[in-house]
Amino acid sequence: PWRLARADVDRALDGVRWYVEEIDRMLADGR
């Protein structure tokens, strides 16, 4: 359904933007 389809897209995009903000910390130990 439309509401759930848009939520699926939003979860993907919003979630990855969070990782973009956090990735420096996540890789800081030389991973």
PDB file of all heavy atoms in Angstrom:
ATOM      1  N   PRO A   1       0.823  -1.209   0.000  1.00  0.00           N
ATOM      2  CA  PRO A   1       0.000   0.000   0.000  1.00  0.00           C
ATOM      3  C   PRO A   1       0.859   1.263   0.000  1.00  0.00           C
ATOM      4  O   PRO A   1       2.005   1.257   0.462  1.00  0.00           O
ATOM      5  CB  PRO A   1      -0.807  -0.123   1.297  1.00  0.00           C
ATOM      6  CG  PRO A   1      -0.879  -1.598   1.552  1.00  0.00           C
ATOM      7  CD  PRO A   1       0.446  -2.120   1.100  1.00  0.00           C
ATOM      8  N   TRP A   2       0.296   2.349  -0.494  1.00  0.00           N
ATOM      9  CA  TRP A   2       1.039   3.584  -0.739  1.00  0.00           C
ATOM     10  C   TRP A   2       1.778   4.087   0.500  1.00  0.00           C
ATOM     11  O   TRP A   2       2.962   4.413   0.441  1.00  0.00           O
ATOM     12  CB  TRP A   2       0.063   4.635  -1.256  1.00  0.00           C
ATOM     13  CG  TRP A   2       0.619   5.998  -1.460  1.00  0.00           C
ATOM     14  CD1 TRP A   2       0.214   7.148  -0.843  1.00  0.00           C
ATOM     15  CD2 TRP A   2       1.667   6.389  -2.358  1.00  0.00           C
ATOM     16  NE1 TRP A   2       0.941   8.221  -1.286  1.00  0.00           N
ATOM     17  CE2 TRP A   2       1.840   7.790  -2.219  1.00  0.00           C
ATOM     18  CE3 TRP A   2       2.469   5.697  -3.263  1.00  0.00           C
ATOM     19  CZ2 TRP A   2       2.779   8.496  -2.944  1.00  0.00           C
ATOM     20  CZ3 TRP A   2       3.419   6.414  -3.982  1.00  0.00           C
ATOM     21  CH2 TRP A   2       3.569   7.794  -3.827  1.00  0.00           C
ATOM     22  N   ARG A   3       1.110   4.136   1.618  1.00  0.00           N
ATOM     23  CA  ARG A   3       1.758   4.651   2.832  1.00  0.00           C
ATOM     24  C   ARG A   3       2.963   3.788   3.205  1.00  0.00           C
ATOM     25  O   ARG A   3       4.039   4.298   3.548  1.00  0.00           O
ATOM     26  CB  ARG A   3       0.759   4.689   3.996  1.00  0.00           C
ATOM     27  CG  ARG A   3       1.384   5.082   5.334  1.00  0.00           C
ATOM     28  CD  ARG A   3       0.333   5.145   6.432  1.00  0.00           C
ATOM     29  NE  ARG A   3      -0.383   3.899   6.596  1.00  0.00           N
ATOM     30  CZ  ARG A   3       0.059   2.883   7.350  1.00  0.00           C
ATOM     31  NH1 ARG A   3       1.220   2.974   7.977  1.00  0.00           N
ATOM     32  NH2 ARG A   3      -0.664   1.788   7.477  1.00  0.00           N
ATOM     33  N   LEU A   4       2.805   2.491   3.136  1.00  0.00           N
ATOM     34  CA  LEU A   4       3.893   1.588   3.502  1.00  0.00           C
ATOM     35  C   LEU A   4       5.006   1.607   2.463  1.00  0.00           C
ATOM     36  O   LEU A   4       6.189   1.462   2.805  1.00  0.00           O
ATOM     37  CB  LEU A   4       3.355   0.170   3.675  1.00  0.00           C
ATOM     38  CG  LEU A   4       2.258  -0.006   4.731  1.00  0.00           C
ATOM     39  CD1 LEU A   4       1.815  -1.457   4.798  1.00  0.00           C
ATOM     40  CD2 LEU A   4       2.743   0.474   6.100  1.00  0.00           C
ATOM     41  N   ALA A   5       4.655   1.793   1.193  1.00  0.00           N
ATOM     42  CA  ALA A   5       5.676   1.861   0.147  1.00  0.00           C
ATOM     43  C   ALA A   5       6.553   3.090   0.336  1.00  0.00           C
ATOM     44  O   ALA A   5       7.786   3.025   0.214  1.00  0.00           O
ATOM     45  CB  ALA A   5       5.015   1.869  -1.229  1.00  0.00           C
ATOM     46  N   ARG A   6       5.928   4.220   0.619  1.00  0.00           N
ATOM     47  CA  ARG A   6       6.724   5.428   0.859  1.00  0.00           C
ATOM     48  C   ARG A   6       7.580   5.280   2.116  1.00  0.00           C
ATOM     49  O   ARG A   6       8.730   5.734   2.153  1.00  0.00           O
ATOM     50  CB  ARG A   6       5.815   6.647   0.973  1.00  0.00           C
ATOM     51  CG  ARG A   6       5.231   7.066  -0.371  1.00  0.00           C
ATOM     52  CD  ARG A   6       4.717   8.489  -0.338  1.00  0.00           C
ATOM     53  NE  ARG A   6       3.615   8.655   0.607  1.00  0.00           N
ATOM     54  CZ  ARG A   6       3.019   9.821   0.868  1.00  0.00           C
ATOM     55  NH1 ARG A   6       3.451  10.924   0.269  1.00  0.00           N
ATOM     56  NH2 ARG A   6       2.023   9.893   1.707  1.00  0.00           N
ATOM     57  N   ALA A   7       7.040   4.627   3.134  1.00  0.00           N
ATOM     58  CA  ALA A   7       7.811   4.414   4.357  1.00  0.00           C
ATOM     59  C   ALA A   7       9.021   3.528   4.092  1.00  0.00           C
ATOM     60  O   ALA A   7      10.097   3.728   4.676  1.00  0.00           O
ATOM     61  CB  ALA A   7       6.921   3.788   5.432  1.00  0.00           C
ATOM     62  N   ASP A   8       8.869   2.541   3.189  1.00  0.00           N
ATOM     63  CA  ASP A   8       9.990   1.659   2.853  1.00  0.00           C
ATOM     64  C   ASP A   8      11.117   2.450   2.200  1.00  0.00           C
ATOM     65  O   ASP A   8      12.297   2.274   2.533  1.00  0.00           O
ATOM     66  CB  ASP A   8       9.505   0.545   1.922  1.00  0.00           C
ATOM     67  CG  ASP A   8      10.558  -0.513   1.691  1.00  0.00           C
ATOM     68  OD1 ASP A   8      11.093  -1.033   2.672  1.00  0.00           O
ATOM     69  OD2 ASP A   8      10.866  -0.812   0.517  1.00  0.00           O
ATOM     70  N   VAL A   9      10.761   3.338   1.277  1.00  0.00           N
ATOM     71  CA  VAL A   9      11.774   4.172   0.620  1.00  0.00           C
ATOM     72  C   VAL A   9      12.414   5.114   1.634  1.00  0.00           C
ATOM     73  O   VAL A   9      13.651   5.261   1.681  1.00  0.00           O
ATOM     74  CB  VAL A   9      11.152   4.960  -0.548  1.00  0.00           C
ATOM     75  CG1 VAL A   9      12.182   5.893  -1.178  1.00  0.00           C
ATOM     76  CG2 VAL A   9      10.593   4.005  -1.604  1.00  0.00           C
ATOM     77  N   ASP A  10      11.598   5.742   2.469  1.00  0.00           N
ATOM     78  CA  ASP A  10      12.123   6.702   3.441  1.00  0.00           C
ATOM     79  C   ASP A  10      13.061   6.042   4.437  1.00  0.00           C
ATOM     80  O   ASP A  10      14.095   6.625   4.819  1.00  0.00           O
ATOM     81  CB  ASP A  10      10.975   7.384   4.184  1.00  0.00           C
ATOM     82  CG  ASP A  10      10.177   8.327   3.296  1.00  0.00           C
ATOM     83  OD1 ASP A  10      10.681   8.701   2.218  1.00  0.00           O
ATOM     84  OD2 ASP A  10       9.038   8.680   3.678  1.00  0.00           O
ATOM     85  N   ARG A  11      12.727   4.841   4.890  1.00  0.00           N
ATOM     86  CA  ARG A  11      13.597   4.139   5.843  1.00  0.00           C
ATOM     87  C   ARG A  11      14.960   3.884   5.232  1.00  0.00           C
ATOM     88  O   ARG A  11      15.990   3.994   5.913  1.00  0.00           O
ATOM     89  CB  ARG A  11      12.960   2.825   6.284  1.00  0.00           C
ATOM     90  CG  ARG A  11      11.851   2.966   7.301  1.00  0.00           C
ATOM     91  CD  ARG A  11      11.358   1.611   7.751  1.00  0.00           C
ATOM     92  NE  ARG A  11      12.405   0.853   8.433  1.00  0.00           N
ATOM     93  CZ  ARG A  11      12.313  -0.443   8.703  1.00  0.00           C
ATOM     94  NH1 ARG A  11      11.247  -1.132   8.336  1.00  0.00           N
ATOM     95  NH2 ARG A  11      13.280  -1.056   9.347  1.00  0.00           N
ATOM     96  N   ALA A  12      14.975   3.523   3.957  1.00  0.00           N
ATOM     97  CA  ALA A  12      16.252   3.273   3.295  1.00  0.00           C
ATOM     98  C   ALA A  12      17.093   4.543   3.248  1.00  0.00           C
ATOM     99  O   ALA A  12      18.269   4.543   3.639  1.00  0.00           O
ATOM    100  CB  ALA A  12      16.014   2.741   1.878  1.00  0.00           C
ATOM    101  N   LEU A  13      16.505   5.619   2.782  1.00  0.00           N
ATOM    102  CA  LEU A  13      17.270   6.847   2.563  1.00  0.00           C
ATOM    103  C   LEU A  13      17.656   7.517   3.881  1.00  0.00           C
ATOM    104  O   LEU A  13      18.813   7.932   4.058  1.00  0.00           O
ATOM    105  CB  LEU A  13      16.462   7.795   1.685  1.00  0.00           C
ATOM    106  CG  LEU A  13      15.994   7.215   0.342  1.00  0.00           C
ATOM    107  CD1 LEU A  13      15.308   8.278  -0.484  1.00  0.00           C
ATOM    108  CD2 LEU A  13      17.145   6.585  -0.425  1.00  0.00           C
ATOM    109  N   ASP A  14      16.703   7.612   4.804  1.00  0.00           N
ATOM    110  CA  ASP A  14      17.016   8.233   6.095  1.00  0.00           C
ATOM    111  C   ASP A  14      18.058   7.415   6.856  1.00  0.00           C
ATOM    112  O   ASP A  14      18.946   7.978   7.514  1.00  0.00           O
ATOM    113  CB  ASP A  14      15.747   8.370   6.941  1.00  0.00           C
ATOM    114  CG  ASP A  14      14.738   9.339   6.345  1.00  0.00           C
ATOM    115  OD1 ASP A  14      15.129  10.107   5.433  1.00  0.00           O
ATOM    116  OD2 ASP A  14      13.574   9.313   6.766  1.00  0.00           O
ATOM    117  N   GLY A  15      17.943   6.096   6.763  1.00  0.00           N
ATOM    118  CA  GLY A  15      18.892   5.241   7.462  1.00  0.00           C
ATOM    119  C   GLY A  15      20.306   5.402   6.955  1.00  0.00           C
ATOM    120  O   GLY A  15      21.259   5.503   7.732  1.00  0.00           O
ATOM    121  N   VAL A  16      20.475   5.445   5.634  1.00  0.00           N
ATOM    122  CA  VAL A  16      21.817   5.579   5.077  1.00  0.00           C
ATOM    123  C   VAL A  16      22.389   6.956   5.388  1.00  0.00           C
ATOM    124  O   VAL A  16      23.605   7.101   5.635  1.00  0.00           O
ATOM    125  CB  VAL A  16      21.820   5.289   3.570  1.00  0.00           C
ATOM    126  CG1 VAL A  16      23.226   5.469   2.984  1.00  0.00           C
ATOM    127  CG2 VAL A  16      21.335   3.867   3.294  1.00  0.00           C
ATOM    128  N   ARG A  17      21.562   7.996   5.394  1.00  0.00           N
ATOM    129  CA  ARG A  17      22.079   9.324   5.760  1.00  0.00           C
ATOM    130  C   ARG A  17      22.653   9.306   7.181  1.00  0.00           C
ATOM    131  O   ARG A  17      23.659   9.981   7.473  1.00  0.00           O
ATOM    132  CB  ARG A  17      20.976  10.376   5.630  1.00  0.00           C
ATOM    133  CG  ARG A  17      20.593  10.692   4.190  1.00  0.00           C
ATOM    134  CD  ARG A  17      19.699  11.908   4.081  1.00  0.00           C
ATOM    135  NE  ARG A  17      19.126  12.040   2.738  1.00  0.00           N
ATOM    136  CZ  ARG A  17      19.767  12.579   1.715  1.00  0.00           C
ATOM    137  NH1 ARG A  17      21.014  13.030   1.874  1.00  0.00           N
ATOM    138  NH2 ARG A  17      19.180  12.666   0.527  1.00  0.00           N
ATOM    139  N   TRP A  18      22.031   8.548   8.074  1.00  0.00           N
ATOM    140  CA  TRP A  18      22.577   8.425   9.431  1.00  0.00           C
ATOM    141  C   TRP A  18      23.969   7.791   9.381  1.00  0.00           C
ATOM    142  O   TRP A  18      24.886   8.238  10.080  1.00  0.00           O
ATOM    143  CB  TRP A  18      21.624   7.592  10.285  1.00  0.00           C
ATOM    144  CG  TRP A  18      22.131   7.372  11.681  1.00  0.00           C
ATOM    145  CD1 TRP A  18      21.999   8.220  12.753  1.00  0.00           C
ATOM    146  CD2 TRP A  18      22.851   6.236  12.166  1.00  0.00           C
ATOM    147  NE1 TRP A  18      22.596   7.685  13.863  1.00  0.00           N
ATOM    148  CE2 TRP A  18      23.121   6.472  13.541  1.00  0.00           C
ATOM    149  CE3 TRP A  18      23.287   5.056  11.579  1.00  0.00           C
ATOM    150  CZ2 TRP A  18      23.816   5.547  14.324  1.00  0.00           C
ATOM    151  CZ3 TRP A  18      23.986   4.135  12.355  1.00  0.00           C
ATOM    152  CH2 TRP A  18      24.241   4.381  13.709  1.00  0.00           C
ATOM    153  N   TYR A  19      24.127   6.744   8.552  1.00  0.00           N
ATOM    154  CA  TYR A  19      25.443   6.095   8.446  1.00  0.00           C
ATOM    155  C   TYR A  19      26.486   7.053   7.868  1.00  0.00           C
ATOM    156  O   TYR A  19      27.660   7.016   8.274  1.00  0.00           O
ATOM    157  CB  TYR A  19      25.353   4.846   7.584  1.00  0.00           C
ATOM    158  CG  TYR A  19      24.835   3.633   8.308  1.00  0.00           C
ATOM    159  CD1 TYR A  19      23.478   3.319   8.299  1.00  0.00           C
ATOM    160  CD2 TYR A  19      25.696   2.782   8.988  1.00  0.00           C
ATOM    161  CE1 TYR A  19      22.993   2.200   8.954  1.00  0.00           C
ATOM    162  CE2 TYR A  19      25.218   1.658   9.644  1.00  0.00           C
ATOM    163  CZ  TYR A  19      23.865   1.370   9.630  1.00  0.00           C
ATOM    164  OH  TYR A  19      23.389   0.266  10.289  1.00  0.00           O
ATOM    165  N   VAL A  20      26.079   7.888   6.933  1.00  0.00           N
ATOM    166  CA  VAL A  20      27.030   8.861   6.374  1.00  0.00           C
ATOM    167  C   VAL A  20      27.562   9.757   7.485  1.00  0.00           C
ATOM    168  O   VAL A  20      28.761  10.101   7.507  1.00  0.00           O
ATOM    169  CB  VAL A  20      26.365   9.703   5.260  1.00  0.00           C
ATOM    170  CG1 VAL A  20      27.275  10.851   4.834  1.00  0.00           C
ATOM    171  CG2 VAL A  20      26.040   8.814   4.056  1.00  0.00           C
ATOM    172  N   GLU A  21      26.696  10.127   8.426  1.00  0.00           N
ATOM    173  CA  GLU A  21      27.121  10.979   9.535  1.00  0.00           C
ATOM    174  C   GLU A  21      27.993  10.225  10.540  1.00  0.00           C
ATOM    175  O   GLU A  21      28.835  10.830  11.213  1.00  0.00           O
ATOM    176  CB  GLU A  21      25.885  11.551  10.252  1.00  0.00           C
ATOM    177  CG  GLU A  21      25.058  12.498   9.409  1.00  0.00           C
ATOM    178  CD  GLU A  21      25.847  13.730   8.995  1.00  0.00           C
ATOM    179  OE1 GLU A  21      26.606  14.250   9.834  1.00  0.00           O
ATOM    180  OE2 GLU A  21      25.709  14.159   7.832  1.00  0.00           O
ATOM    181  N   GLU A  22      27.815   8.920  10.646  1.00  0.00           N
ATOM    182  CA  GLU A  22      28.477   8.141  11.684  1.00  0.00           C
ATOM    183  C   GLU A  22      29.697   7.355  11.195  1.00  0.00           C
ATOM    184  O   GLU A  22      30.455   6.824  12.011  1.00  0.00           O
ATOM    185  CB  GLU A  22      27.478   7.151  12.300  1.00  0.00           C
ATOM    186  CG  GLU A  22      26.296   7.802  12.999  1.00  0.00           C
ATOM    187  CD  GLU A  22      26.707   8.505  14.283  1.00  0.00           C
ATOM    188  OE1 GLU A  22      27.669   8.047  14.937  1.00  0.00           O
ATOM    189  OE2 GLU A  22      26.070   9.525  14.621  1.00  0.00           O
ATOM    190  N   ILE A  23      29.895   7.256   9.882  1.00  0.00           N
ATOM    191  CA  ILE A  23      30.873   6.317   9.347  1.00  0.00           C
ATOM    192  C   ILE A  23      32.305   6.643   9.769  1.00  0.00           C
ATOM    193  O   ILE A  23      33.127   5.739   9.961  1.00  0.00           O
ATOM    194  CB  ILE A  23      30.752   6.222   7.800  1.00  0.00           C
ATOM    195  CG1 ILE A  23      31.538   5.038   7.276  1.00  0.00           C
ATOM    196  CG2 ILE A  23      31.182   7.526   7.146  1.00  0.00           C
ATOM    197  CD1 ILE A  23      31.006   3.695   7.682  1.00  0.00           C
ATOM    198  N   ASP A  24      32.652   7.919   9.928  1.00  0.00           N
ATOM    199  CA  ASP A  24      34.010   8.256  10.367  1.00  0.00           C
ATOM    200  C   ASP A  24      34.320   7.621  11.718  1.00  0.00           C
ATOM    201  O   ASP A  24      35.402   7.038  11.909  1.00  0.00           O
ATOM    202  CB  ASP A  24      34.180   9.774  10.450  1.00  0.00           C
ATOM    203  CG  ASP A  24      34.138  10.435   9.083  1.00  0.00           C
ATOM    204  OD1 ASP A  24      33.034  10.770   8.618  1.00  0.00           O
ATOM    205  OD2 ASP A  24      35.204  10.602   8.478  1.00  0.00           O
ATOM    206  N   ARG A  25      33.373   7.728  12.642  1.00  0.00           N
ATOM    207  CA  ARG A  25      33.559   7.113  13.959  1.00  0.00           C
ATOM    208  C   ARG A  25      33.651   5.597  13.850  1.00  0.00           C
ATOM    209  O   ARG A  25      34.488   4.960  14.501  1.00  0.00           O
ATOM    210  CB  ARG A  25      32.396   7.502  14.877  1.00  0.00           C
ATOM    211  CG  ARG A  25      32.405   6.782  16.220  1.00  0.00           C
ATOM    212  CD  ARG A  25      31.128   7.064  17.007  1.00  0.00           C
ATOM    213  NE  ARG A  25      29.919   6.626  16.323  1.00  0.00           N
ATOM    214  CZ  ARG A  25      29.500   5.358  16.303  1.00  0.00           C
ATOM    215  NH1 ARG A  25      30.210   4.399  16.872  1.00  0.00           N
ATOM    216  NH2 ARG A  25      28.364   5.050  15.679  1.00  0.00           N
ATOM    217  N   MET A  26      32.800   4.998  13.008  1.00  0.00           N
ATOM    218  CA  MET A  26      32.755   3.541  12.893  1.00  0.00           C
ATOM    219  C   MET A  26      34.050   2.960  12.328  1.00  0.00           C
ATOM    220  O   MET A  26      34.398   1.812  12.616  1.00  0.00           O
ATOM    221  CB  MET A  26      31.564   3.132  12.020  1.00  0.00           C
ATOM    222  CG  MET A  26      30.206   3.442  12.625  1.00  0.00           C
ATOM    223  SD  MET A  26      28.872   3.037  11.462  1.00  0.00           S
ATOM    224  CE  MET A  26      27.428   3.344  12.476  1.00  0.00           C
ATOM    225  N   LEU A  27      34.733   3.731  11.500  1.00  0.00           N
ATOM    226  CA  LEU A  27      35.966   3.247  10.876  1.00  0.00           C
ATOM    227  C   LEU A  27      37.225   3.819  11.535  1.00  0.00           C
ATOM    228  O   LEU A  27      38.345   3.572  11.057  1.00  0.00           O
ATOM    229  CB  LEU A  27      35.974   3.599   9.383  1.00  0.00           C
ATOM    230  CG  LEU A  27      34.844   3.006   8.537  1.00  0.00           C
ATOM    231  CD1 LEU A  27      34.960   3.494   7.094  1.00  0.00           C
ATOM    232  CD2 LEU A  27      34.852   1.486   8.590  1.00  0.00           C
ATOM    233  N   ALA A  28      37.049   4.546  12.632  1.00  0.00           N
ATOM    234  CA  ALA A  28      38.179   5.272  13.232  1.00  0.00           C
ATOM    235  C   ALA A  28      39.264   4.359  13.771  1.00  0.00           C
ATOM    236  O   ALA A  28      40.422   4.771  13.899  1.00  0.00           O
ATOM    237  CB  ALA A  28      37.672   6.194  14.339  1.00  0.00           C
ATOM    238  N   ASP A  29      38.911   3.114  14.101  1.00  0.00           N
ATOM    239  CA  ASP A  29      39.919   2.204  14.657  1.00  0.00           C
ATOM    240  C   ASP A  29      40.706   1.467  13.585  1.00  0.00           C
ATOM    241  O   ASP A  29      41.372   0.472  13.860  1.00  0.00           O
ATOM    242  CB  ASP A  29      39.268   1.200  15.606  1.00  0.00           C
ATOM    243  CG  ASP A  29      38.227   0.319  14.913  1.00  0.00           C
ATOM    244  OD1 ASP A  29      37.933   0.573  13.719  1.00  0.00           O
ATOM    245  OD2 ASP A  29      37.711  -0.609  15.551  1.00  0.00           O
ATOM    246  N   GLY A  30      40.637   1.964  12.347  1.00  0.00           N
ATOM    247  CA  GLY A  30      41.427   1.370  11.284  1.00  0.00           C
ATOM    248  C   GLY A  30      40.772   0.230  10.539  1.00  0.00           C
ATOM    249  O   GLY A  30      41.446  -0.507   9.809  1.00  0.00           O
ATOM    250  N   ARG A  31      39.483   0.075  10.697  1.00  0.00           N
ATOM    251  CA  ARG A  31      38.794  -1.002   9.980  1.00  0.00           C
ATOM    252  C   ARG A  31      38.910  -0.774   8.474  1.00  0.00           C
ATOM    253  O   ARG A  31      38.804   0.356   7.989  1.00  0.00           O
ATOM    254  CB  ARG A  31      37.325  -1.084  10.393  1.00  0.00           C
ATOM    255  CG  ARG A  31      37.121  -1.392  11.880  1.00  0.00           C
ATOM    256  CD  ARG A  31      35.707  -1.839  12.169  1.00  0.00           C
ATOM    257  NE  ARG A  31      35.441  -3.166  11.599  1.00  0.00           N
ATOM    258  CZ  ARG A  31      35.751  -4.318  12.196  1.00  0.00           C
ATOM    259  NH1 ARG A  31      36.370  -4.312  13.366  1.00  0.00           N
ATOM    260  NH2 ARG A  31      35.460  -5.466  11.632  1.00  0.00           N
TER     261      ARG A  31
END
